[in-house]
């Protein structure tokens, strides 16, 4: 369920009513209470620069075991109850791709509440004109994953054609499963012949991330989908890459997807695949999404012809990084070294920055990020919502006395200090090394 964004003037926090839900998932507006948000430290009204109309393509969720909290006429946070005295469940928005949430929904959690599934939950209210409202910012103007750009019938037809043309390529079969079963936009874009194509390769991982969407260990949360069940050959990988490059201008192909582990555990395979791709095509952007745990392997991949590296981080401070990624057989210093190796090789380096309001915008986190940007000359930050139960994440993170400065303030501060730093959500095409930029 979603409503389109409509530009109808400034949204005022005091005029936004809260949306609540019943246990059957029916949402309704409770005009007795104004929208409240949780910034990671306290419950408060949203700020005017945080409010936007709900982006087209967003979804609505209810939060089981969590009573909605709104602001009463005096501006006080109140757990909302219905006429029979039963708590009203909190409702939330899951923002469309390329949007970053700025705060969390406000709610109270009962003792029997289940751990929330791996989504990023944003506040949900209603403006006086009846349009849904949330708190977010569009961080990338590209429409690579806008839901209305994906026609199911066209995707099914293109998948059928691709399978008939390449019946022996197991990677094509795997991507067809992702496209049709999970509605993976990256896989669907491969079959639609546009933008970026995924290259999943790894069954294993050397991290045990709290928010892993393809494998979970004793977190009380089910993974949202299964990992790839085989390791493709270099030839299968190269075939998918070259097909995509032949059909797409400024094509990008990427190792490291949500349906796999860590691609660097198969570094030799990736290096062979990149070498095969480069024998035929020097222009396609070959990207690696990675935890960047093996700097020597990263160096070898760039030598073979890798174009760009996207490094997954929830924090640039070791204790918080370790608490989320829980690395096995590598250290945070290895991650930092991989960034340096990639930059020394002339590669384009992005952060896949797992953004969590109330943590990412803590002063110590912002200071550490600025220091990393200054030291390594990062090219881009891809601000990505961290999909996790907020309470689970905050409990896992080291305590911090600093007050969050707000994500809006952080975005402005970094851009002012580093004007050449790019913001985005998707892996961009980059010029072949040694070639002039457009």
Foldseek 3Di string as FASTA:
>chain_A
DADAFDDDDFFDQVQWFAWFADPVGDIDTDRQFTFWFAQQDDIFTDDRLFKTFAHPPKDKDWFPQWAAWGQGPVGDTDRDADPVRHGTTAMWIQHFPQKDHFTAGDTHGDPPGAWDAFTFTWGWTAGPVGTIMTTIDRFAPDVLPRPVVADVVLLVVLLVVVCVVCVPQVQSVVLNCCCPVVVPSQSSCLSVLEAEHEDEFAADAQWQFLNQQADHDPNSYHRVHHADPHGGALVSRLVSQVVSVVRYDLYEYEYDDSRHYFCVVVLVRLLSNLLVNCVPDLWHAYEYEGCQFALVSLLSNVVSRHAAYEHEAQFLDQQLRCLGGVGHPGGSVSSLSNLQSCVVSVHAYEYAHADDRNPCQFPVRLVSVLVSCVVRVHAEYEYDHRGGRSVVSSVSGDDDPGGGPTPVVSVVVSCVVPVRYGYTNDDGRDGRVVDDDD
